[in-house]
N, C-alpha and C. Protein backbone atom coordinates (compact mmCIF):
# COMPACT_ATOMS: atom_id res chain seq x y z
N UNK A 1 22.29 9.96 3.00
CA UNK A 1 21.62 9.17 2.59
C UNK A 1 21.78 8.84 1.41
N UNK A 2 22.20 7.70 1.51
CA UNK A 2 22.06 6.95 -0.16
C UNK A 2 20.94 6.96 -1.02
N UNK A 3 21.28 8.18 -2.28
CA UNK A 3 20.00 8.21 -2.98
C UNK A 3 19.06 7.02 -3.46
N UNK A 4 19.71 5.80 -3.62
CA UNK A 4 18.64 4.49 -3.78
C UNK A 4 17.76 4.64 -2.70
N UNK A 5 18.33 4.47 -1.70
CA UNK A 5 17.61 4.20 -0.37
C UNK A 5 16.61 5.34 0.04
N UNK A 6 16.78 6.49 -0.30
CA UNK A 6 16.07 7.82 -0.45
C UNK A 6 14.72 7.78 -1.28
N UNK A 7 15.30 7.19 -2.30
CA UNK A 7 14.22 7.09 -3.49
C UNK A 7 12.98 6.12 -3.18
N UNK A 8 13.75 4.75 -2.98
CA UNK A 8 13.00 3.63 -2.03
C UNK A 8 12.20 3.80 -0.81
N UNK A 9 12.79 4.57 0.23
CA UNK A 9 11.83 4.83 1.51
C UNK A 9 10.42 6.21 1.01
N UNK A 10 11.10 6.68 0.00
CA UNK A 10 9.87 7.40 -0.56
C UNK A 10 8.91 6.78 -1.58
N UNK A 11 8.98 5.89 -2.16
CA UNK A 11 8.35 5.12 -2.89
C UNK A 11 7.31 4.42 -1.82
N UNK A 12 7.98 3.64 -0.77
CA UNK A 12 7.35 2.91 0.21
C UNK A 12 6.31 3.95 0.71
N UNK A 13 6.72 5.00 1.23
CA UNK A 13 5.89 6.21 1.69
C UNK A 13 4.77 5.99 0.71
N UNK A 14 4.82 6.56 -0.57
CA UNK A 14 3.65 6.55 -1.41
C UNK A 14 2.38 5.35 -1.34
N UNK A 15 3.35 4.23 -1.47
CA UNK A 15 2.46 3.12 -1.75
C UNK A 15 1.64 3.00 -0.26
N UNK A 16 2.12 3.50 0.85
CA UNK A 16 1.78 3.27 2.01
C UNK A 16 0.39 4.24 2.11
N UNK A 17 0.64 5.29 1.62
CA UNK A 17 -0.69 6.70 1.72
C UNK A 17 -1.43 5.78 0.75
N UNK A 18 -1.22 5.19 -0.56
CA UNK A 18 -2.20 4.79 -1.46
C UNK A 18 -3.02 3.83 -0.92
N UNK A 19 -2.76 2.66 -0.21
CA UNK A 19 -2.82 1.72 0.30
C UNK A 19 -4.33 1.92 1.34
N UNK A 20 -3.64 3.14 2.30
CA UNK A 20 -4.55 3.61 2.98
C UNK A 20 -5.66 3.99 2.10
N UNK A 21 -5.74 5.06 1.26
CA UNK A 21 -6.70 5.52 0.30
C UNK A 21 -7.88 4.50 -0.16
N UNK A 22 -7.02 3.38 -0.66
CA UNK A 22 -7.73 2.43 -1.17
C UNK A 22 -8.69 1.95 -0.27
N UNK A 23 -7.82 1.68 1.34
CA UNK A 23 -8.99 0.70 2.12
C UNK A 23 -10.14 1.84 2.21
N UNK A 24 -9.80 3.18 2.80
CA UNK A 24 -10.99 3.89 2.84
C UNK A 24 -12.10 3.98 1.72
N UNK A 25 -11.58 3.91 0.24
CA UNK A 25 -12.73 3.99 -0.81
C UNK A 25 -13.39 2.11 -0.64
N UNK A 26 -12.59 1.29 -0.24
CA UNK A 26 -13.18 0.01 -0.18
C UNK A 26 -14.19 0.17 0.91
N UNK A 27 -13.97 0.75 2.36
CA UNK A 27 -14.96 0.73 3.22
C UNK A 27 -16.09 1.54 2.71
N UNK A 28 -15.79 2.73 2.20
CA UNK A 28 -17.21 3.17 1.64
C UNK A 28 -17.81 2.61 0.78
N UNK A 29 -17.60 1.97 -0.16
CA UNK A 29 -18.07 1.19 -1.09
C UNK A 29 -18.71 -0.04 -0.51
N UNK A 30 -17.79 -0.74 0.56
CA UNK A 30 -18.79 -1.50 1.62
C UNK A 30 -19.91 -0.93 2.53
N UNK A 31 -19.65 0.23 2.64
CA UNK A 31 -20.88 0.79 3.50
C UNK A 31 -22.39 1.07 2.38
N UNK A 32 -21.89 1.18 1.08
CA UNK A 32 -22.91 1.50 0.20
C UNK A 32 -23.63 -0.01 -0.31
N UNK A 33 -22.94 -1.23 0.65
CA UNK A 33 -23.58 -2.32 -0.17
C UNK A 33 -23.26 -2.94 -1.59
N UNK A 34 -21.82 -2.47 -1.88
CA UNK A 34 -21.21 -2.86 -3.35
C UNK A 34 -20.16 -3.51 -3.00
N UNK A 35 -20.26 -4.81 -2.15
CA UNK A 35 -19.84 -5.70 -1.72
C UNK A 35 -18.69 -6.02 -2.92
N UNK A 36 -18.85 -6.53 -3.86
CA UNK A 36 -17.90 -7.04 -4.87
C UNK A 36 -16.84 -6.30 -4.92
N UNK A 37 -17.44 -5.09 -5.62
CA UNK A 37 -16.18 -4.11 -5.97
C UNK A 37 -15.06 -3.62 -4.52
N UNK A 38 -16.11 -3.52 -3.52
CA UNK A 38 -15.29 -3.35 -1.89
C UNK A 38 -14.02 -4.63 -1.94
N UNK A 39 -14.50 -6.09 -2.09
CA UNK A 39 -13.91 -7.20 -2.02
C UNK A 39 -12.74 -6.67 -2.96
N UNK A 40 -12.70 -6.08 -3.85
CA UNK A 40 -11.85 -5.99 -5.27
C UNK A 40 -10.35 -4.87 -4.40
N UNK A 41 -11.32 -4.15 -4.20
CA UNK A 41 -10.19 -3.23 -3.75
C UNK A 41 -9.48 -3.52 -2.15
N UNK A 42 -10.06 -3.95 -1.47
CA UNK A 42 -9.44 -4.76 -0.24
C UNK A 42 -8.11 -5.73 -0.98
N UNK A 43 -8.52 -6.48 -1.77
CA UNK A 43 -7.49 -7.20 -2.53
C UNK A 43 -6.33 -6.44 -3.21
N UNK A 44 -6.40 -5.18 -3.47
CA UNK A 44 -5.74 -4.16 -4.13
C UNK A 44 -4.75 -3.78 -2.92
N UNK A 45 -5.49 -3.40 -1.95
CA UNK A 45 -4.92 -2.95 -0.79
C UNK A 45 -4.25 -3.55 -0.04
N UNK A 46 -4.40 -5.07 0.29
CA UNK A 46 -3.54 -5.97 0.67
C UNK A 46 -2.19 -6.56 -0.32
N UNK A 47 -2.32 -6.44 -1.42
CA UNK A 47 -1.04 -6.35 -2.28
C UNK A 47 -0.31 -5.26 -2.25
N UNK A 48 -1.05 -3.96 -2.39
CA UNK A 48 0.24 -2.70 -1.49
C UNK A 48 0.54 -2.76 -0.86
N UNK A 49 -0.39 -3.49 0.64
CA UNK A 49 0.21 -3.45 1.92
C UNK A 49 1.74 -4.43 2.08
N UNK A 50 1.66 -5.37 0.90
CA UNK A 50 2.59 -6.87 0.80
C UNK A 50 3.73 -5.88 0.10
N UNK A 51 3.74 -5.43 -0.82
CA UNK A 51 4.50 -4.51 -1.52
C UNK A 51 5.51 -3.70 -0.48
N UNK A 52 4.92 -2.75 0.48
CA UNK A 52 5.34 -1.93 1.48
C UNK A 52 6.35 -2.36 2.33
N UNK A 53 5.28 -4.03 2.85
CA UNK A 53 6.51 -4.99 3.61
C UNK A 53 7.72 -5.06 2.63
N UNK A 54 7.65 -5.84 1.68
CA UNK A 54 8.89 -6.07 0.74
C UNK A 54 9.82 -5.09 0.61
N UNK A 55 9.02 -3.52 0.28
CA UNK A 55 10.23 -2.71 0.52
C UNK A 55 10.88 -2.19 1.70
N UNK A 56 10.22 -2.70 2.42
CA UNK A 56 11.01 -2.70 4.04
C UNK A 56 12.33 -3.41 4.13
N UNK A 57 11.68 -4.82 3.88
CA UNK A 57 12.89 -5.43 3.70
C UNK A 57 14.07 -5.15 2.95
N UNK A 58 13.60 -4.89 1.73
CA UNK A 58 14.90 -4.36 0.64
C UNK A 58 15.69 -3.14 1.85
N UNK A 59 14.82 -2.26 1.81
CA UNK A 59 15.51 -1.47 2.65
C UNK A 59 16.40 -1.56 3.88
N UNK A 60 16.00 -2.48 4.28
CA UNK A 60 16.78 -3.11 5.88
C UNK A 60 18.12 -3.77 5.08
N UNK A 61 17.92 -4.13 4.10
CA UNK A 61 19.22 -4.74 3.60
C UNK A 61 20.09 -4.13 2.95
N UNK A 62 19.55 -2.60 2.49
CA UNK A 62 20.41 -1.62 2.29
C UNK A 62 21.59 -1.11 3.52
N UNK A 63 21.04 -1.24 4.50
CA UNK A 63 21.89 -0.39 5.59
C UNK A 63 22.90 -1.27 6.12
């Protein structure tokens, strides 16, 4: 495997994991009625998901 591709794949996996963690934290805040903070974290989670999708596009182009 190309070293750049392997590194980008690892970054993508890490971002995916971070996104899931942020989503869980946002859900926890929402259950505690801290809706403004939860909304901010959901926005962060969406940005991370978009980054994962963009990296997937880059990885496909490297093939």
